[in-house]
Amino acid sequence: MSTKNAEMRARIAAAALTVLRQEGWSGLTQPRVARAAGLRQSHLTYYFPTRRDLVTAISREVARRLVEGFERLAREAPAAPGAFGKSFAQLCSPEQTRLLLTLVLAADGEPAIRRIFRGLTREVRALIAATMARIGAAADAESVALIHALGVGLAVLDLARGEPAARRELQTIARMARSRRIADKKPSQSRGKGSRR
């Protein structure tokens, strides 16, 4: 793909994300995205012939941004618990959650997007495991899945409730995870019974 084509596709994807943030899933139409990108719809459909193509591109971008956010969180793991909780809450902002839910809705009916979502889940869980190991918490698959599920669930509730109490819950869970109260087994305890040091 030429640089010009790649730049145009990126411009359209950015416009689509803007439409998605402002108008939600139902507002994500090709005419609206074309207007937001300053293009005619026929120009948009040259790069993204169908809505499915556009949603797939957006899904890849949402996944990329979420992984970058979790990578940043993993780097900040040794920081003070308060900073960790705030970083986690920023990662689970209403905007990010809205984008994640769009990815979930898109994955429901589209195998290509479902593959993107599976890859995103693997990457995020690997980063959660790395973060947990760095702070001395258990990083076994069950603990990682628990933290992941709690984070996603609380982010969705925060978005749906839209009140300060929901945001505080999200930050509290992040602090609890950081201080090992959720996954309180030491990594060495997760070995089999026959393990020796």
N, C-alpha and C. Protein backbone atom coordinates (compact mmCIF):
# COMPACT_ATOMS: atom_id res chain seq x y z
N MET A 1 0.84 -1.17 0.00
CA MET A 1 0.00 0.00 0.00
C MET A 1 0.89 1.24 0.00
N SER A 2 0.56 2.21 -0.83
CA SER A 2 1.36 3.43 -0.92
C SER A 2 1.19 4.25 0.35
N THR A 3 2.15 5.16 0.56
CA THR A 3 2.08 6.04 1.73
C THR A 3 0.82 6.89 1.70
N LYS A 4 0.47 7.37 0.50
CA LYS A 4 -0.72 8.20 0.35
C LYS A 4 -1.99 7.42 0.73
N ASN A 5 -2.09 6.17 0.27
CA ASN A 5 -3.24 5.33 0.62
C ASN A 5 -3.28 5.05 2.13
N ALA A 6 -2.12 4.76 2.71
CA ALA A 6 -2.05 4.49 4.15
C ALA A 6 -2.47 5.72 4.94
N GLU A 7 -2.03 6.89 4.51
CA GLU A 7 -2.40 8.13 5.20
C GLU A 7 -3.90 8.38 5.10
N MET A 8 -4.48 8.14 3.93
CA MET A 8 -5.91 8.36 3.76
C MET A 8 -6.72 7.37 4.60
N ARG A 9 -6.28 6.12 4.64
CA ARG A 9 -6.97 5.12 5.46
C ARG A 9 -6.89 5.51 6.94
N ALA A 10 -5.74 6.01 7.38
CA ALA A 10 -5.58 6.45 8.77
C ALA A 10 -6.48 7.66 9.06
N ARG A 11 -6.56 8.57 8.12
CA ARG A 11 -7.43 9.75 8.27
C ARG A 11 -8.89 9.34 8.41
N ILE A 12 -9.31 8.40 7.58
CA ILE A 12 -10.70 7.92 7.62
C ILE A 12 -10.96 7.18 8.94
N ALA A 13 -10.02 6.35 9.35
CA ALA A 13 -10.18 5.61 10.61
C ALA A 13 -10.28 6.57 11.78
N ALA A 14 -9.46 7.63 11.77
CA ALA A 14 -9.52 8.63 12.85
C ALA A 14 -10.88 9.34 12.85
N ALA A 15 -11.38 9.66 11.67
CA ALA A 15 -12.71 10.29 11.58
C ALA A 15 -13.78 9.34 12.09
N ALA A 16 -13.65 8.07 11.77
CA ALA A 16 -14.63 7.07 12.22
C ALA A 16 -14.61 6.95 13.75
N LEU A 17 -13.42 7.00 14.35
CA LEU A 17 -13.33 6.95 15.81
C LEU A 17 -13.99 8.18 16.44
N THR A 18 -13.83 9.32 15.80
CA THR A 18 -14.48 10.54 16.28
C THR A 18 -15.99 10.39 16.24
N VAL A 19 -16.51 9.88 15.13
CA VAL A 19 -17.95 9.66 15.00
C VAL A 19 -18.41 8.67 16.07
N LEU A 20 -17.66 7.62 16.25
CA LEU A 20 -18.01 6.61 17.24
C LEU A 20 -18.06 7.19 18.64
N ARG A 21 -17.07 8.00 19.00
CA ARG A 21 -17.05 8.63 20.32
C ARG A 21 -18.25 9.55 20.52
N GLN A 22 -18.57 10.31 19.49
CA GLN A 22 -19.62 11.32 19.60
C GLN A 22 -21.03 10.75 19.46
N GLU A 23 -21.19 9.75 18.60
CA GLU A 23 -22.53 9.29 18.26
C GLU A 23 -22.80 7.83 18.59
N GLY A 24 -21.77 7.12 19.04
CA GLY A 24 -21.97 5.72 19.41
C GLY A 24 -22.07 4.80 18.20
N TRP A 25 -22.34 3.53 18.51
CA TRP A 25 -22.36 2.48 17.49
C TRP A 25 -23.40 2.75 16.42
N SER A 26 -24.60 3.17 16.82
CA SER A 26 -25.67 3.39 15.84
C SER A 26 -25.36 4.57 14.92
N GLY A 27 -24.53 5.49 15.36
CA GLY A 27 -24.19 6.65 14.54
C GLY A 27 -23.04 6.40 13.58
N LEU A 28 -22.43 5.23 13.68
CA LEU A 28 -21.27 4.93 12.84
C LEU A 28 -21.74 4.49 11.45
N THR A 29 -22.00 5.47 10.60
CA THR A 29 -22.43 5.18 9.23
C THR A 29 -21.40 5.74 8.27
N GLN A 30 -21.37 5.19 7.08
CA GLN A 30 -20.42 5.68 6.08
C GLN A 30 -20.64 7.15 5.73
N PRO A 31 -21.89 7.61 5.55
CA PRO A 31 -22.07 9.03 5.26
C PRO A 31 -21.53 9.95 6.36
N ARG A 32 -21.76 9.59 7.62
CA ARG A 32 -21.27 10.42 8.73
C ARG A 32 -19.75 10.40 8.80
N VAL A 33 -19.16 9.23 8.59
CA VAL A 33 -17.70 9.14 8.62
C VAL A 33 -17.11 9.94 7.47
N ALA A 34 -17.71 9.85 6.29
CA ALA A 34 -17.23 10.62 5.13
C ALA A 34 -17.26 12.12 5.44
N ARG A 35 -18.37 12.59 6.01
CA ARG A 35 -18.47 14.02 6.38
C ARG A 35 -17.39 14.40 7.38
N ALA A 36 -17.19 13.56 8.40
CA ALA A 36 -16.19 13.85 9.43
C ALA A 36 -14.78 13.87 8.85
N ALA A 37 -14.54 13.08 7.82
CA ALA A 37 -13.22 13.04 7.17
C ALA A 37 -13.09 14.10 6.08
N GLY A 38 -14.19 14.81 5.79
CA GLY A 38 -14.15 15.82 4.74
C GLY A 38 -14.09 15.23 3.34
N LEU A 39 -14.75 14.08 3.16
CA LEU A 39 -14.71 13.37 1.88
C LEU A 39 -16.12 13.13 1.36
N ARG A 40 -16.20 12.82 0.08
CA ARG A 40 -17.45 12.30 -0.46
C ARG A 40 -17.53 10.82 -0.07
N GLN A 41 -18.74 10.31 0.05
CA GLN A 41 -18.89 8.92 0.45
C GLN A 41 -18.24 7.98 -0.56
N SER A 42 -18.29 8.32 -1.84
CA SER A 42 -17.67 7.47 -2.85
C SER A 42 -16.16 7.38 -2.65
N HIS A 43 -15.56 8.46 -2.15
CA HIS A 43 -14.12 8.44 -1.88
C HIS A 43 -13.84 7.52 -0.69
N LEU A 44 -14.70 7.60 0.34
CA LEU A 44 -14.54 6.73 1.51
C LEU A 44 -14.66 5.26 1.09
N THR A 45 -15.65 4.96 0.27
CA THR A 45 -15.87 3.56 -0.10
C THR A 45 -14.78 3.02 -1.03
N TYR A 46 -13.99 3.90 -1.62
CA TYR A 46 -12.82 3.43 -2.37
C TYR A 46 -11.83 2.76 -1.41
N TYR A 47 -11.67 3.33 -0.23
CA TYR A 47 -10.72 2.80 0.76
C TYR A 47 -11.35 1.74 1.65
N PHE A 48 -12.63 1.92 1.97
CA PHE A 48 -13.36 0.97 2.81
C PHE A 48 -14.69 0.68 2.11
N PRO A 49 -14.71 -0.32 1.22
CA PRO A 49 -15.91 -0.57 0.41
C PRO A 49 -17.18 -0.85 1.21
N THR A 50 -17.05 -1.43 2.38
CA THR A 50 -18.23 -1.76 3.17
C THR A 50 -18.07 -1.23 4.60
N ARG A 51 -19.19 -1.15 5.29
CA ARG A 51 -19.15 -0.75 6.70
C ARG A 51 -18.32 -1.76 7.49
N ARG A 52 -18.41 -3.02 7.12
CA ARG A 52 -17.64 -4.07 7.79
C ARG A 52 -16.14 -3.81 7.67
N ASP A 53 -15.69 -3.38 6.50
CA ASP A 53 -14.27 -3.05 6.32
C ASP A 53 -13.86 -1.91 7.24
N LEU A 54 -14.72 -0.92 7.32
CA LEU A 54 -14.45 0.24 8.17
C LEU A 54 -14.41 -0.17 9.64
N VAL A 55 -15.37 -0.98 10.07
CA VAL A 55 -15.42 -1.42 11.46
C VAL A 55 -14.21 -2.29 11.79
N THR A 56 -13.77 -3.10 10.86
CA THR A 56 -12.58 -3.93 11.09
C THR A 56 -11.36 -3.03 11.31
N ALA A 57 -11.22 -2.00 10.48
CA ALA A 57 -10.09 -1.07 10.64
C ALA A 57 -10.16 -0.36 11.99
N ILE A 58 -11.35 0.07 12.37
CA ILE A 58 -11.52 0.73 13.66
C ILE A 58 -11.19 -0.23 14.79
N SER A 59 -11.63 -1.47 14.67
CA SER A 59 -11.37 -2.47 15.71
C SER A 59 -9.87 -2.67 15.90
N ARG A 60 -9.14 -2.71 14.81
CA ARG A 60 -7.67 -2.83 14.92
C ARG A 60 -7.08 -1.63 15.65
N GLU A 61 -7.59 -0.45 15.35
CA GLU A 61 -7.08 0.75 16.00
C GLU A 61 -7.45 0.78 17.48
N VAL A 62 -8.66 0.40 17.83
CA VAL A 62 -9.07 0.33 19.24
C VAL A 62 -8.18 -0.66 19.98
N ALA A 63 -7.96 -1.82 19.38
CA ALA A 63 -7.10 -2.84 20.00
C ALA A 63 -5.69 -2.31 20.20
N ARG A 64 -5.15 -1.63 19.19
CA ARG A 64 -3.80 -1.07 19.29
C ARG A 64 -3.71 -0.07 20.45
N ARG A 65 -4.70 0.79 20.56
CA ARG A 65 -4.69 1.81 21.62
C ARG A 65 -4.82 1.18 23.00
N LEU A 66 -5.66 0.18 23.13
CA LEU A 66 -5.81 -0.49 24.42
C LEU A 66 -4.53 -1.20 24.83
N VAL A 67 -3.87 -1.86 23.89
CA VAL A 67 -2.61 -2.53 24.21
C VAL A 67 -1.57 -1.50 24.62
N GLU A 68 -1.51 -0.36 23.92
CA GLU A 68 -0.56 0.69 24.31
C GLU A 68 -0.85 1.18 25.73
N GLY A 69 -2.12 1.32 26.07
CA GLY A 69 -2.48 1.75 27.42
C GLY A 69 -2.06 0.74 28.47
N PHE A 70 -2.27 -0.54 28.20
CA PHE A 70 -1.85 -1.57 29.16
C PHE A 70 -0.33 -1.67 29.23
N GLU A 71 0.36 -1.42 28.13
CA GLU A 71 1.83 -1.40 28.17
C GLU A 71 2.31 -0.27 29.07
N ARG A 72 1.67 0.89 28.96
CA ARG A 72 2.02 2.03 29.81
C ARG A 72 1.74 1.68 31.28
N LEU A 73 0.61 1.05 31.55
CA LEU A 73 0.27 0.64 32.90
C LEU A 73 1.31 -0.35 33.45
N ALA A 74 1.73 -1.28 32.61
CA ALA A 74 2.74 -2.26 33.04
C ALA A 74 4.05 -1.57 33.40
N ARG A 75 4.43 -0.55 32.64
CA ARG A 75 5.66 0.19 32.95
C ARG A 75 5.55 0.94 34.27
N GLU A 76 4.33 1.37 34.62
CA GLU A 76 4.12 2.16 35.84
C GLU A 76 3.87 1.29 37.07
N ALA A 77 3.92 -0.02 36.91
CA ALA A 77 3.58 -0.92 38.02
C ALA A 77 4.34 -0.63 39.32
N PRO A 78 5.64 -0.33 39.27
CA PRO A 78 6.34 -0.09 40.54
C PRO A 78 5.98 1.23 41.19
N ALA A 79 5.22 2.09 40.52
CA ALA A 79 4.88 3.40 41.08
C ALA A 79 3.99 3.26 42.31
N ALA A 80 3.77 4.36 42.98
CA ALA A 80 2.92 4.37 44.18
C ALA A 80 1.53 3.84 43.84
N PRO A 81 0.88 3.14 44.79
CA PRO A 81 -0.45 2.58 44.53
C PRO A 81 -1.46 3.60 44.01
N GLY A 82 -1.44 4.81 44.53
CA GLY A 82 -2.38 5.83 44.07
C GLY A 82 -2.20 6.15 42.60
N ALA A 83 -0.95 6.24 42.16
CA ALA A 83 -0.68 6.54 40.75
C ALA A 83 -1.14 5.39 39.88
N PHE A 84 -0.93 4.16 40.36
CA PHE A 84 -1.36 2.99 39.60
C PHE A 84 -2.88 3.00 39.42
N GLY A 85 -3.61 3.27 40.50
CA GLY A 85 -5.07 3.31 40.45
C GLY A 85 -5.57 4.36 39.47
N LYS A 86 -4.95 5.54 39.49
CA LYS A 86 -5.35 6.60 38.57
C LYS A 86 -5.06 6.21 37.13
N SER A 87 -3.88 5.60 36.90
CA SER A 87 -3.54 5.17 35.53
C SER A 87 -4.52 4.12 35.03
N PHE A 88 -4.88 3.20 35.91
CA PHE A 88 -5.83 2.16 35.53
C PHE A 88 -7.19 2.78 35.21
N ALA A 89 -7.62 3.74 36.03
CA ALA A 89 -8.90 4.40 35.79
C ALA A 89 -8.88 5.18 34.48
N GLN A 90 -7.76 5.81 34.15
CA GLN A 90 -7.66 6.52 32.88
C GLN A 90 -7.76 5.54 31.71
N LEU A 91 -7.12 4.39 31.87
CA LEU A 91 -7.19 3.38 30.83
C LEU A 91 -8.63 2.91 30.63
N CYS A 92 -9.39 2.88 31.70
CA CYS A 92 -10.79 2.45 31.66
C CYS A 92 -11.73 3.66 31.59
N SER A 93 -11.31 4.70 30.91
CA SER A 93 -12.13 5.90 30.79
C SER A 93 -13.41 5.57 30.03
N PRO A 94 -14.46 6.37 30.21
CA PRO A 94 -15.69 6.13 29.46
C PRO A 94 -15.45 6.06 27.94
N GLU A 95 -14.58 6.91 27.45
CA GLU A 95 -14.29 6.89 26.01
C GLU A 95 -13.69 5.56 25.59
N GLN A 96 -12.69 5.09 26.34
CA GLN A 96 -12.06 3.80 26.02
C GLN A 96 -13.07 2.67 26.13
N THR A 97 -13.91 2.73 27.16
CA THR A 97 -14.90 1.67 27.36
C THR A 97 -15.90 1.66 26.22
N ARG A 98 -16.33 2.84 25.78
CA ARG A 98 -17.25 2.93 24.64
C ARG A 98 -16.62 2.27 23.41
N LEU A 99 -15.35 2.54 23.20
CA LEU A 99 -14.66 1.94 22.05
C LEU A 99 -14.55 0.43 22.21
N LEU A 100 -14.26 -0.03 23.43
CA LEU A 100 -14.18 -1.46 23.68
C LEU A 100 -15.53 -2.14 23.44
N LEU A 101 -16.60 -1.52 23.91
CA LEU A 101 -17.93 -2.10 23.72
C LEU A 101 -18.29 -2.16 22.24
N THR A 102 -17.84 -1.19 21.48
CA THR A 102 -18.06 -1.23 20.04
C THR A 102 -17.35 -2.43 19.43
N LEU A 103 -16.15 -2.68 19.91
CA LEU A 103 -15.40 -3.83 19.44
C LEU A 103 -16.13 -5.12 19.80
N VAL A 104 -16.70 -5.18 20.99
CA VAL A 104 -17.46 -6.36 21.41
C VAL A 104 -18.68 -6.54 20.51
N LEU A 105 -19.43 -5.48 20.27
CA LEU A 105 -20.61 -5.56 19.40
C LEU A 105 -20.22 -5.99 17.99
N ALA A 106 -19.14 -5.44 17.49
CA ALA A 106 -18.70 -5.79 16.14
C ALA A 106 -18.26 -7.26 16.09
N ALA A 107 -17.59 -7.72 17.14
CA ALA A 107 -17.10 -9.09 17.17
C ALA A 107 -18.24 -10.10 17.19
N ASP A 108 -19.38 -9.69 17.72
CA ASP A 108 -20.51 -10.60 17.83
C ASP A 108 -20.95 -11.15 16.47
N GLY A 109 -20.84 -10.34 15.42
CA GLY A 109 -21.32 -10.80 14.13
C GLY A 109 -20.28 -10.90 13.04
N GLU A 110 -19.02 -10.73 13.39
CA GLU A 110 -18.00 -10.70 12.35
C GLU A 110 -16.76 -11.49 12.78
N PRO A 111 -16.48 -12.61 12.10
CA PRO A 111 -15.33 -13.44 12.48
C PRO A 111 -13.98 -12.71 12.44
N ALA A 112 -13.78 -11.82 11.48
CA ALA A 112 -12.49 -11.11 11.39
C ALA A 112 -12.28 -10.24 12.63
N ILE A 113 -13.33 -9.61 13.10
CA ILE A 113 -13.23 -8.76 14.28
C ILE A 113 -13.11 -9.62 15.53
N ARG A 114 -13.76 -10.76 15.53
CA ARG A 114 -13.63 -11.69 16.66
C ARG A 114 -12.16 -12.12 16.81
N ARG A 115 -11.48 -12.34 15.69
CA ARG A 115 -10.05 -12.70 15.76
C ARG A 115 -9.23 -11.55 16.35
N ILE A 116 -9.55 -10.32 15.96
CA ILE A 116 -8.87 -9.16 16.53
C ILE A 116 -9.10 -9.13 18.04
N PHE A 117 -10.33 -9.37 18.46
CA PHE A 117 -10.68 -9.34 19.88
C PHE A 117 -9.96 -10.44 20.64
N ARG A 118 -9.86 -11.62 20.06
CA ARG A 118 -9.12 -12.72 20.73
C ARG A 118 -7.65 -12.34 20.92
N GLY A 119 -7.06 -11.75 19.87
CA GLY A 119 -5.67 -11.30 19.98
C GLY A 119 -5.51 -10.22 21.04
N LEU A 120 -6.46 -9.30 21.08
CA LEU A 120 -6.44 -8.24 22.08
C LEU A 120 -6.50 -8.84 23.48
N THR A 121 -7.36 -9.80 23.69
CA THR A 121 -7.49 -10.45 25.00
C THR A 121 -6.17 -11.10 25.40
N ARG A 122 -5.54 -11.82 24.47
CA ARG A 122 -4.26 -12.46 24.79
C ARG A 122 -3.20 -11.42 25.16
N GLU A 123 -3.10 -10.35 24.38
CA GLU A 123 -2.08 -9.33 24.65
C GLU A 123 -2.33 -8.63 25.98
N VAL A 124 -3.57 -8.26 26.23
CA VAL A 124 -3.90 -7.56 27.48
C VAL A 124 -3.62 -8.46 28.67
N ARG A 125 -4.01 -9.72 28.59
CA ARG A 125 -3.76 -10.62 29.72
C ARG A 125 -2.28 -10.86 29.94
N ALA A 126 -1.50 -10.91 28.89
CA ALA A 126 -0.05 -11.06 29.05
C ALA A 126 0.53 -9.83 29.76
N LEU A 127 0.04 -8.65 29.41
CA LEU A 127 0.51 -7.43 30.06
C LEU A 127 0.04 -7.35 31.50
N ILE A 128 -1.18 -7.79 31.78
CA ILE A 128 -1.66 -7.84 33.16
C ILE A 128 -0.79 -8.80 33.97
N ALA A 129 -0.48 -9.95 33.40
CA ALA A 129 0.37 -10.93 34.09
C ALA A 129 1.74 -10.34 34.39
N ALA A 130 2.32 -9.65 33.42
CA ALA A 130 3.64 -9.04 33.62
C ALA A 130 3.57 -7.99 34.73
N THR A 131 2.52 -7.19 34.72
CA THR A 131 2.35 -6.16 35.74
C THR A 131 2.20 -6.78 37.12
N MET A 132 1.37 -7.81 37.21
CA MET A 132 1.16 -8.47 38.50
C MET A 132 2.45 -9.10 39.01
N ALA A 133 3.20 -9.73 38.13
CA ALA A 133 4.47 -10.34 38.55
C ALA A 133 5.44 -9.27 39.05
N ARG A 134 5.45 -8.10 38.40
CA ARG A 134 6.37 -7.03 38.80
C ARG A 134 6.04 -6.48 40.17
N ILE A 135 4.76 -6.50 40.54
CA ILE A 135 4.40 -5.97 41.87
C ILE A 135 4.35 -7.07 42.92
N GLY A 136 4.72 -8.29 42.53
CA GLY A 136 4.81 -9.39 43.48
C GLY A 136 3.51 -10.14 43.72
N ALA A 137 2.50 -9.90 42.88
CA ALA A 137 1.22 -10.60 43.03
C ALA A 137 1.24 -11.86 42.17
N ALA A 138 0.34 -12.77 42.49
CA ALA A 138 0.23 -14.00 41.70
C ALA A 138 -0.14 -13.64 40.27
N ALA A 139 0.54 -14.26 39.33
CA ALA A 139 0.28 -13.98 37.91
C ALA A 139 -0.19 -15.24 37.20
N ASP A 140 -0.84 -16.15 37.94
CA ASP A 140 -1.36 -17.36 37.31
C ASP A 140 -2.57 -16.98 36.43
N ALA A 141 -2.95 -17.87 35.56
CA ALA A 141 -4.01 -17.58 34.58
C ALA A 141 -5.33 -17.18 35.25
N GLU A 142 -5.67 -17.82 36.36
CA GLU A 142 -6.94 -17.52 37.03
C GLU A 142 -6.93 -16.11 37.63
N SER A 143 -5.83 -15.73 38.27
CA SER A 143 -5.73 -14.39 38.86
C SER A 143 -5.76 -13.32 37.78
N VAL A 144 -5.06 -13.58 36.69
CA VAL A 144 -5.04 -12.63 35.57
C VAL A 144 -6.44 -12.48 34.99
N ALA A 145 -7.13 -13.60 34.80
CA ALA A 145 -8.49 -13.54 34.25
C ALA A 145 -9.42 -12.78 35.19
N LEU A 146 -9.23 -12.96 36.51
CA LEU A 146 -10.05 -12.25 37.49
C LEU A 146 -9.83 -10.74 37.39
N ILE A 147 -8.59 -10.32 37.37
CA ILE A 147 -8.28 -8.89 37.27
C ILE A 147 -8.84 -8.33 35.97
N HIS A 148 -8.66 -9.05 34.88
CA HIS A 148 -9.15 -8.61 33.58
C HIS A 148 -10.68 -8.46 33.62
N ALA A 149 -11.36 -9.48 34.12
CA ALA A 149 -12.82 -9.44 34.17
C ALA A 149 -13.32 -8.32 35.09
N LEU A 150 -12.68 -8.15 36.23
CA LEU A 150 -13.08 -7.07 37.13
C LEU A 150 -12.89 -5.71 36.48
N GLY A 151 -11.76 -5.53 35.83
CA GLY A 151 -11.49 -4.26 35.17
C GLY A 151 -12.51 -3.95 34.09
N VAL A 152 -12.78 -4.93 33.24
CA VAL A 152 -13.75 -4.73 32.15
C VAL A 152 -15.14 -4.48 32.73
N GLY A 153 -15.54 -5.31 33.68
CA GLY A 153 -16.87 -5.16 34.27
C GLY A 153 -17.06 -3.83 34.96
N LEU A 154 -16.08 -3.41 35.75
CA LEU A 154 -16.20 -2.12 36.44
C LEU A 154 -16.17 -0.96 35.46
N ALA A 155 -15.39 -1.08 34.39
CA ALA A 155 -15.36 -0.02 33.37
C ALA A 155 -16.73 0.11 32.70
N VAL A 156 -17.36 -1.03 32.40
CA VAL A 156 -18.69 -1.00 31.78
C VAL A 156 -19.71 -0.39 32.75
N LEU A 157 -19.65 -0.81 34.02
CA LEU A 157 -20.57 -0.23 35.02
C LEU A 157 -20.33 1.26 35.21
N ASP A 158 -19.07 1.68 35.18
CA ASP A 158 -18.74 3.10 35.29
C ASP A 158 -19.39 3.88 34.15
N LEU A 159 -19.27 3.36 32.94
CA LEU A 159 -19.86 4.01 31.78
C LEU A 159 -21.39 4.05 31.90
N ALA A 160 -21.98 2.92 32.27
CA ALA A 160 -23.44 2.83 32.33
C ALA A 160 -24.02 3.70 33.45
N ARG A 161 -23.35 3.73 34.59
CA ARG A 161 -23.87 4.49 35.74
C ARG A 161 -23.57 5.98 35.63
N GLY A 162 -22.39 6.31 35.10
CA GLY A 162 -22.03 7.70 34.92
C GLY A 162 -22.06 8.53 36.19
N GLU A 163 -21.57 7.96 37.28
CA GLU A 163 -21.56 8.69 38.55
C GLU A 163 -20.21 8.52 39.24
N PRO A 164 -19.84 9.47 40.08
CA PRO A 164 -18.54 9.41 40.75
C PRO A 164 -18.31 8.12 41.54
N ALA A 165 -19.35 7.56 42.14
CA ALA A 165 -19.17 6.33 42.93
C ALA A 165 -18.64 5.19 42.08
N ALA A 166 -19.10 5.09 40.85
CA ALA A 166 -18.63 4.03 39.95
C ALA A 166 -17.15 4.23 39.63
N ARG A 167 -16.74 5.46 39.40
CA ARG A 167 -15.33 5.75 39.12
C ARG A 167 -14.47 5.42 40.34
N ARG A 168 -14.97 5.74 41.53
CA ARG A 168 -14.22 5.42 42.77
C ARG A 168 -14.06 3.90 42.93
N GLU A 169 -15.11 3.15 42.62
CA GLU A 169 -15.01 1.69 42.69
C GLU A 169 -13.91 1.18 41.78
N LEU A 170 -13.86 1.72 40.58
CA LEU A 170 -12.84 1.31 39.61
C LEU A 170 -11.44 1.58 40.17
N GLN A 171 -11.24 2.77 40.73
CA GLN A 171 -9.93 3.10 41.30
C GLN A 171 -9.61 2.24 42.52
N THR A 172 -10.62 1.93 43.33
CA THR A 172 -10.40 1.10 44.51
C THR A 172 -9.96 -0.31 44.12
N ILE A 173 -10.62 -0.88 43.12
CA ILE A 173 -10.23 -2.22 42.67
C ILE A 173 -8.80 -2.20 42.13
N ALA A 174 -8.45 -1.16 41.40
CA ALA A 174 -7.07 -1.06 40.88
C ALA A 174 -6.08 -0.98 42.04
N ARG A 175 -6.40 -0.20 43.06
CA ARG A 175 -5.51 -0.11 44.23
C ARG A 175 -5.41 -1.47 44.94
N MET A 176 -6.55 -2.16 45.06
CA MET A 176 -6.54 -3.48 45.71
C MET A 176 -5.67 -4.45 44.92
N ALA A 177 -5.79 -4.42 43.61
CA ALA A 177 -4.96 -5.30 42.78
C ALA A 177 -3.49 -4.94 42.95
N ARG A 178 -3.20 -3.66 42.98
CA ARG A 178 -1.82 -3.19 43.12
C ARG A 178 -1.24 -3.59 44.47
N SER A 179 -2.09 -3.57 45.51
CA SER A 179 -1.58 -3.88 46.85
C SER A 179 -1.74 -5.36 47.19
N ARG A 180 -2.11 -6.17 46.20
CA ARG A 180 -2.17 -7.63 46.31
C ARG A 180 -3.35 -8.15 47.12
N ARG A 181 -4.35 -7.36 47.40
CA ARG A 181 -5.47 -7.87 48.18
C ARG A 181 -6.42 -8.72 47.35
N ILE A 182 -6.39 -8.58 46.03
CA ILE A 182 -7.23 -9.43 45.19
C ILE A 182 -6.50 -10.73 44.89
N ALA A 183 -5.32 -10.62 44.35
CA ALA A 183 -4.52 -11.80 44.02
C ALA A 183 -3.39 -11.86 45.03
N ASP A 184 -3.68 -12.42 46.21
CA ASP A 184 -2.73 -12.31 47.29
C ASP A 184 -1.77 -13.49 47.42
N LYS A 185 -1.85 -14.45 46.51
CA LYS A 185 -0.88 -15.53 46.56
C LYS A 185 0.46 -15.01 46.04
N LYS A 186 1.51 -15.45 46.62
CA LYS A 186 2.83 -15.12 46.11
C LYS A 186 3.07 -15.98 44.87
N PRO A 187 3.82 -15.49 43.88
CA PRO A 187 4.07 -16.29 42.68
C PRO A 187 4.64 -17.66 42.99
N SER A 188 5.48 -17.78 44.02
CA SER A 188 6.07 -19.08 44.33
C SER A 188 5.03 -20.06 44.86
N GLN A 189 3.91 -19.57 45.43
CA GLN A 189 2.88 -20.45 45.96
C GLN A 189 2.04 -21.07 44.86
N SER A 190 2.11 -20.54 43.65
CA SER A 190 1.29 -21.07 42.58
C SER A 190 1.92 -22.28 41.90
N ARG A 191 3.10 -22.69 42.37
CA ARG A 191 3.74 -23.88 41.81
C ARG A 191 3.02 -25.12 42.29
N GLY A 192 3.28 -26.24 41.62
CA GLY A 192 2.70 -27.52 42.02
C GLY A 192 3.22 -27.95 43.37
N LYS A 193 2.55 -28.93 44.01
CA LYS A 193 2.93 -29.38 45.34
C LYS A 193 4.34 -29.96 45.39
N GLY A 194 4.76 -30.57 44.30
CA GLY A 194 6.06 -31.21 44.30
C GLY A 194 7.22 -30.27 44.01
N SER A 195 6.95 -28.98 43.84
CA SER A 195 8.03 -28.04 43.50
C SER A 195 8.93 -27.81 44.68
N ARG A 196 10.20 -27.67 44.37
CA ARG A 196 11.18 -27.34 45.42
C ARG A 196 11.95 -26.14 44.96
N ARG A 197 12.48 -25.40 45.90
CA ARG A 197 13.27 -24.22 45.57
C ARG A 197 14.66 -24.60 45.18
